[in-house]
Amino acid sequence: MNAIRALAAALFFASAAHAQTIPAGDYHQHVFSAADIAMIGPSAGLVPLDADQLVPLLDAAGIRRAVLLSIAYMAGSPSREVDDELAKVRMENDWTAAQAARYPGRLIAFCSFNPLKAYALAELERCANTPGLDHGIKLHIGNSDVQLDDPAHVARLRQVFAAANAHGMAIVIHLRANIGRKRPYGAAQARTFLDQVLPAAPDVVVQVAHFAGSGPGYDDPPAQAAMAVLADAVENHDPHANNLWFDVASIVDRDIRPETAALVVKLIRQVGVGRVLYGTDSAQGANLRPRESWAAFRKLPLSPAEFAHIAANVPPYFPEPP
């Protein structure tokens, strides 16, 4: 089936190389429940956003598919105290799945949680056995304050990766360490991830969000250093990188500097356009909406064929159309 997808992608980008392309999917999106917005508080400037509000934004960009990455991990952030934390994590995961179910064949949901929490493996198991949440998991290293310099944290991540792998669940990971707490991040942490964490999930897609950064924008030298390690691993056929994919959610904005744009293009070509997934990130606040985000991405100095190939990519975890 993957061979058929690859052939379809090749035919698509070959025929569309000289035409305006649109992404086959938005593989990094979020929805926000009213309960989650209340928990986060007004200072974040976020508002509830459900699938019925998101889909018109996708329609405006011509995008047919999207992955809704649950933000349940926010309930487990060490930066906040949450009553009935596990109940809120489960509620947010279930709500996200219900939003995706409103648009079957078009939207899918990934569940999420703080991987360091005592309930993490149990919630993964529950998601794996819950229709609509069994596609994959979203981990947010920064929000969960996972530190790749801490052997206990690395061991825990390995457990979570191994459990996801055992259930055939893809993994989307926001690898960027916590910025507010100034956690170490860069080449060394990327090597730890590559050498010690990835081997625990050899059979499933591992999608590195934001090109190992956070967005909006990509003027983040530690993220660039981390991504360089992963790109080198792909280029040199490191077996630990066999199933790595990379999304570009929110790293290219309207005001991207030419030197940053050139670096993004270099990294895209280094990992290969076949591993790059389009993503918008949340349609909240000052973040670009899908149509505007894709337009900004199109300003990168890539060839028409390269844009068409990226636009046509569909990750193996996304179900075949009915």
Protein backbone atom coordinates (compact mmCIF):
# COMPACT_ATOMS: atom_id res chain seq x y z
CA MET A 1 0.00 0.00 0.00
CA ASN A 2 2.87 2.39 0.75
CA ALA A 3 4.28 1.67 -2.72
CA ILE A 4 0.95 2.67 -4.23
CA ARG A 5 0.99 5.89 -2.23
CA ALA A 6 4.54 6.62 -3.35
CA LEU A 7 3.59 6.08 -7.00
CA ALA A 8 0.52 8.30 -6.61
CA ALA A 9 2.65 11.02 -5.04
CA ALA A 10 5.20 10.77 -7.84
CA LEU A 11 2.51 11.07 -10.50
CA PHE A 12 0.93 13.97 -8.68
CA PHE A 13 4.04 16.09 -8.31
CA ALA A 14 5.17 15.31 -11.85
CA SER A 15 1.89 16.56 -13.31
CA ALA A 16 1.53 19.46 -10.88
CA ALA A 17 5.09 20.74 -11.07
CA HIS A 18 4.09 23.74 -13.15
CA ALA A 19 0.72 24.39 -11.51
CA GLN A 20 -0.40 25.93 -8.25
CA THR A 21 -0.17 23.13 -5.70
CA ILE A 22 -2.14 22.66 -2.51
CA PRO A 23 -1.30 20.29 0.33
CA ALA A 24 -2.98 16.92 0.45
CA GLY A 25 -3.19 17.35 4.21
CA ASP A 26 -2.43 19.50 7.21
CA TYR A 27 -0.57 17.10 9.47
CA HIS A 28 -0.18 19.38 12.47
CA GLN A 29 -3.41 20.97 13.64
CA HIS A 30 -5.12 21.56 16.97
CA VAL A 31 -8.63 22.06 18.29
CA PHE A 32 -9.41 23.58 21.70
CA SER A 33 -12.30 22.66 23.97
CA ALA A 34 -13.98 25.21 26.21
CA ALA A 35 -12.81 23.19 29.22
CA ASP A 36 -9.21 23.36 28.08
CA ILE A 37 -9.39 27.10 27.44
CA ALA A 38 -10.79 27.59 30.94
CA MET A 39 -7.91 25.55 32.39
CA ILE A 40 -5.26 27.47 30.44
CA GLY A 41 -6.71 30.82 31.50
CA PRO A 42 -7.31 34.14 29.72
CA SER A 43 -3.67 35.28 29.72
CA ALA A 44 -2.88 32.94 26.82
CA GLY A 45 -5.33 34.75 24.56
CA LEU A 46 -6.82 31.49 23.26
CA VAL A 47 -10.47 30.80 22.46
CA PRO A 48 -12.43 27.58 21.95
CA LEU A 49 -11.96 26.15 18.47
CA ASP A 50 -13.79 23.03 17.30
CA ALA A 51 -13.78 21.01 14.10
CA ASP A 52 -16.76 22.90 12.67
CA GLN A 53 -14.71 26.09 12.91
CA LEU A 54 -11.47 24.55 11.70
CA VAL A 55 -12.80 22.79 8.61
CA PRO A 56 -13.81 26.03 6.81
CA LEU A 57 -10.24 27.25 7.30
CA LEU A 58 -8.98 24.05 5.68
CA ASP A 59 -11.54 24.47 2.90
CA ALA A 60 -10.28 27.98 2.21
CA ALA A 61 -6.83 26.49 1.61
CA GLY A 62 -8.17 23.58 -0.44
CA ILE A 63 -6.87 21.09 2.14
CA ARG A 64 -8.87 17.87 2.46
CA ARG A 65 -7.12 16.04 5.33
CA ALA A 66 -5.90 17.06 8.76
CA VAL A 67 -4.50 15.53 11.92
CA LEU A 68 -5.91 16.92 15.16
CA LEU A 69 -3.17 16.68 17.77
CA SER A 70 -4.76 16.64 21.21
CA ILE A 71 -3.54 19.25 23.66
CA ALA A 72 -4.37 17.07 26.67
CA TYR A 73 -0.68 17.21 27.62
CA MET A 74 -1.30 20.77 28.83
CA ALA A 75 -3.20 19.42 31.84
CA GLY A 76 -0.01 17.62 32.87
CA SER A 77 2.30 20.60 32.54
CA PRO A 78 4.46 21.11 35.65
CA SER A 79 3.72 24.82 35.30
CA ARG A 80 0.15 24.41 36.54
CA GLU A 81 -1.78 22.67 39.27
CA VAL A 82 -4.86 20.89 37.92
CA ASP A 83 -7.57 19.22 39.97
CA ASP A 84 -8.57 15.78 38.65
CA GLU A 85 -5.69 15.96 36.20
CA LEU A 86 -6.10 12.50 34.68
CA ALA A 87 -9.84 13.05 34.21
CA LYS A 88 -9.09 16.26 32.31
CA VAL A 89 -6.46 14.52 30.16
CA ARG A 90 -8.93 11.79 29.25
CA MET A 91 -11.73 14.27 28.62
CA GLU A 92 -9.58 16.34 26.25
CA ASN A 93 -8.39 13.28 24.36
CA ASP A 94 -11.94 11.98 24.01
CA TRP A 95 -13.22 15.40 22.94
CA THR A 96 -10.53 15.66 20.26
CA ALA A 97 -11.47 12.21 18.94
CA ALA A 98 -15.13 13.25 18.86
CA GLN A 99 -14.22 16.32 16.82
CA ALA A 100 -12.37 14.20 14.27
CA ALA A 101 -15.31 11.79 14.12
CA ARG A 102 -17.52 14.62 12.86
CA TYR A 103 -15.55 14.48 9.59
CA PRO A 104 -14.78 10.80 8.97
CA GLY A 105 -12.20 10.15 6.29
CA ARG A 106 -11.05 13.73 6.54
CA LEU A 107 -9.89 14.27 10.12
CA ILE A 108 -8.08 11.93 12.50
CA ALA A 109 -7.05 12.50 16.11
CA PHE A 110 -3.88 11.73 18.06
CA CYS A 111 -4.07 11.44 21.84
CA SER A 112 -1.59 13.14 24.14
CA PHE A 113 -0.30 13.25 27.70
CA ASN A 114 2.79 14.23 29.65
CA PRO A 115 5.05 11.17 29.21
CA LEU A 116 6.62 11.66 32.65
CA LYS A 117 3.34 11.26 34.51
CA ALA A 118 2.57 8.05 36.37
CA TYR A 119 -0.58 7.62 34.28
CA ALA A 120 1.18 8.04 30.91
CA LEU A 121 1.43 4.38 29.93
CA ALA A 122 -2.11 3.66 31.10
CA GLU A 123 -3.48 6.54 29.03
CA LEU A 124 -1.52 5.35 26.01
CA GLU A 125 -3.02 1.89 26.50
CA ARG A 126 -6.51 3.38 26.77
CA CYS A 127 -6.00 5.40 23.60
CA ALA A 128 -4.67 2.36 21.76
CA ASN A 129 -7.90 0.53 22.60
CA THR A 130 -10.24 3.44 21.88
CA PRO A 131 -11.46 3.76 18.28
CA GLY A 132 -10.56 7.21 17.02
CA LEU A 133 -7.60 7.60 19.37
CA ASP A 134 -5.58 4.62 18.17
CA HIS A 135 -3.79 6.33 15.27
CA GLY A 136 -0.97 7.85 17.29
CA ILE A 137 0.26 9.98 20.17
CA LYS A 138 1.48 13.55 20.46
CA LEU A 139 4.28 14.31 22.92
CA HIS A 140 5.33 17.86 23.80
CA ILE A 141 8.81 17.80 25.31
CA GLY A 142 8.80 21.50 26.14
CA ASN A 143 5.38 21.74 27.77
CA SER A 144 5.99 18.53 29.73
CA ASP A 145 9.50 19.69 30.71
CA VAL A 146 11.14 16.47 29.56
CA GLN A 147 14.92 16.83 29.74
CA LEU A 148 16.99 14.67 27.44
CA ASP A 149 20.00 15.18 29.72
CA ASP A 150 18.21 13.33 32.52
CA PRO A 151 18.69 9.54 32.25
CA ALA A 152 15.41 8.91 34.08
CA HIS A 153 13.53 11.06 31.57
CA VAL A 154 15.22 9.28 28.66
CA ALA A 155 14.32 5.90 30.14
CA ARG A 156 10.71 6.99 30.51
CA LEU A 157 10.56 8.25 26.93
CA ARG A 158 11.90 4.90 25.78
CA GLN A 159 9.07 3.16 27.64
CA VAL A 160 6.46 5.37 26.00
CA PHE A 161 8.01 4.95 22.55
CA ALA A 162 8.16 1.18 23.00
CA ALA A 163 4.51 1.04 24.07
CA ALA A 164 3.42 3.13 21.08
CA ASN A 165 5.47 0.91 18.80
CA ALA A 166 3.88 -2.23 20.27
CA HIS A 167 0.44 -0.85 19.41
CA GLY A 168 1.46 0.37 15.95
CA MET A 169 0.78 3.98 16.93
CA ALA A 170 2.63 6.80 15.18
CA ILE A 171 4.39 9.40 17.32
CA VAL A 172 4.40 13.15 16.74
CA ILE A 173 6.95 14.80 18.99
CA HIS A 174 7.57 18.46 19.75
CA LEU A 175 11.24 17.91 20.48
CA ARG A 176 12.18 21.47 21.45
CA ALA A 177 13.07 21.62 25.16
CA ASN A 178 11.37 24.09 27.48
CA ILE A 179 12.40 27.61 26.50
CA GLY A 180 11.05 29.47 29.54
CA ARG A 181 13.07 27.27 31.91
CA LYS A 182 16.14 27.52 29.65
CA ARG A 183 16.59 23.76 29.43
CA PRO A 184 19.64 22.64 27.43
CA TYR A 185 18.80 21.91 23.82
CA GLY A 186 20.75 21.41 20.64
CA ALA A 187 22.99 18.86 18.96
CA ALA A 188 23.73 16.84 22.11
CA GLN A 189 20.07 16.39 22.99
CA ALA A 190 19.22 15.46 19.40
CA ARG A 191 21.92 12.76 19.48
CA THR A 192 20.46 11.37 22.69
CA PHE A 193 17.04 11.26 21.05
CA LEU A 194 18.48 9.61 17.96
CA ASP A 195 20.67 7.04 19.71
CA GLN A 196 18.70 6.24 22.86
CA VAL A 197 15.01 7.01 22.28
CA LEU A 198 14.28 6.27 18.62
CA PRO A 199 15.52 2.66 18.78
CA ALA A 200 12.58 1.91 21.09
CA ALA A 201 10.12 2.57 18.24
CA PRO A 202 11.65 1.00 15.13
CA ASP A 203 8.39 0.17 13.33
CA VAL A 204 6.25 3.31 13.42
CA VAL A 205 6.39 6.81 11.99
CA VAL A 206 8.06 9.34 14.27
CA GLN A 207 7.16 12.83 13.10
CA VAL A 208 9.41 15.59 14.45
CA ALA A 209 7.27 18.70 14.74
CA HIS A 210 8.36 22.17 13.64
CA PHE A 211 11.65 20.86 12.17
CA ALA A 212 12.79 20.27 15.78
CA GLY A 213 11.88 23.84 16.72
CA SER A 214 8.72 25.41 18.07
CA GLY A 215 7.54 28.27 15.89
CA PRO A 216 6.34 30.69 14.91
CA GLY A 217 9.49 31.24 12.89
CA TYR A 218 12.77 29.36 12.84
CA ASP A 219 15.32 31.87 14.15
CA ASP A 220 16.22 29.44 16.92
CA PRO A 221 19.89 28.33 16.81
CA PRO A 222 19.43 25.41 19.27
CA ALA A 223 16.58 24.05 17.16
CA GLN A 224 18.65 24.47 14.01
CA ALA A 225 21.51 22.56 15.65
CA ALA A 226 19.20 19.75 16.73
CA MET A 227 17.63 19.50 13.29
CA ALA A 228 21.08 19.41 11.68
CA VAL A 229 21.90 16.25 13.67
CA LEU A 230 18.68 14.56 12.56
CA ALA A 231 19.16 15.66 8.96
CA ASP A 232 22.71 14.28 8.95
CA ALA A 233 21.38 10.98 10.30
CA VAL A 234 18.83 10.72 7.50
CA GLU A 235 21.36 11.71 4.85
CA ASN A 236 23.85 9.12 6.14
CA HIS A 237 21.24 6.35 6.30
CA ASP A 238 21.41 5.93 10.06
CA PRO A 239 19.02 3.01 10.72
CA HIS A 240 17.60 4.83 13.75
CA ALA A 241 16.30 7.50 11.36
CA ASN A 242 14.55 5.13 8.98
CA ASN A 243 11.04 6.15 10.03
CA LEU A 244 11.64 9.81 10.75
CA TRP A 245 9.34 12.35 9.13
CA PHE A 246 9.42 16.11 9.70
CA ASP A 247 6.64 18.68 9.71
CA VAL A 248 7.14 22.33 8.90
CA ALA A 249 4.30 23.66 11.05
CA SER A 250 4.68 27.40 11.67
CA ILE A 251 8.43 27.59 10.96
CA VAL A 252 7.97 29.69 7.81
CA ASP A 253 6.21 33.00 8.33
CA ARG A 254 5.68 36.00 6.09
CA ASP A 255 8.78 37.76 7.41
CA ILE A 256 11.27 34.90 7.28
CA ARG A 257 14.79 36.20 6.71
CA PRO A 258 16.49 35.10 3.47
CA GLU A 259 19.27 33.29 5.35
CA THR A 260 16.72 31.42 7.46
CA ALA A 261 14.73 30.50 4.37
CA ALA A 262 17.92 29.21 2.75
CA LEU A 263 18.65 27.07 5.82
CA VAL A 264 15.13 25.60 5.81
CA VAL A 265 15.52 24.71 2.14
CA LYS A 266 18.92 23.13 2.80
CA LEU A 267 17.44 20.97 5.56
CA ILE A 268 14.43 20.01 3.44
CA ARG A 269 16.72 18.83 0.66
CA GLN A 270 19.00 17.06 3.11
CA VAL A 271 16.21 14.92 4.58
CA GLY A 272 14.51 14.63 1.19
CA VAL A 273 11.18 16.12 0.14
CA GLY A 274 9.56 12.72 0.58
CA ARG A 275 9.90 12.98 4.38
CA VAL A 276 8.55 16.51 4.75
CA LEU A 277 4.94 17.08 5.82
CA TYR A 278 3.01 20.31 5.61
CA GLY A 279 1.42 21.53 8.84
CA THR A 280 -0.08 24.81 9.98
CA ASP A 281 -0.20 24.54 13.79
CA SER A 282 -3.10 26.03 15.73
CA ALA A 283 -5.36 28.54 14.01
CA GLN A 284 -5.27 30.84 17.04
CA GLY A 285 -4.24 34.39 17.75
CA ALA A 286 -1.47 35.73 15.54
CA ASN A 287 -0.70 32.31 14.05
CA LEU A 288 -1.21 32.10 10.31
CA ARG A 289 -4.32 30.27 9.13
CA PRO A 290 -3.87 27.30 6.75
CA ARG A 291 -4.26 29.30 3.53
CA GLU A 292 -1.88 32.05 4.63
CA SER A 293 0.58 29.58 6.14
CA TRP A 294 0.85 27.59 2.91
CA ALA A 295 1.27 30.84 0.96
CA ALA A 296 4.15 31.81 3.25
CA PHE A 297 5.73 28.37 2.85
CA ARG A 298 5.47 28.72 -0.94
CA LYS A 299 7.85 31.68 -0.77
CA LEU A 300 10.77 29.39 0.07
CA PRO A 301 13.30 29.05 -2.77
CA LEU A 302 12.23 25.50 -3.66
CA SER A 303 11.45 24.29 -7.16
CA PRO A 304 7.86 23.75 -8.37
CA ALA A 305 8.50 20.00 -8.38
CA GLU A 306 9.74 20.11 -4.79
CA PHE A 307 6.66 22.03 -3.64
CA ALA A 308 4.41 19.59 -5.47
CA HIS A 309 6.11 16.59 -3.88
CA ILE A 310 5.79 18.02 -0.37
CA ALA A 311 2.17 18.95 -1.02
CA ALA A 312 1.37 15.40 -2.16
CA ASN A 313 2.94 13.64 0.82
CA VAL A 314 0.62 11.50 2.94
CA PRO A 315 2.19 9.83 5.99
CA PRO A 316 1.66 6.07 6.41
CA TYR A 317 -0.40 6.58 9.57
CA PHE A 318 -3.20 8.39 7.73
CA PRO A 319 -5.95 5.94 6.73
CA GLU A 320 -6.61 5.24 3.08
CA PRO A 321 -9.64 7.12 1.71
CA PRO A 322 -12.85 5.07 1.96
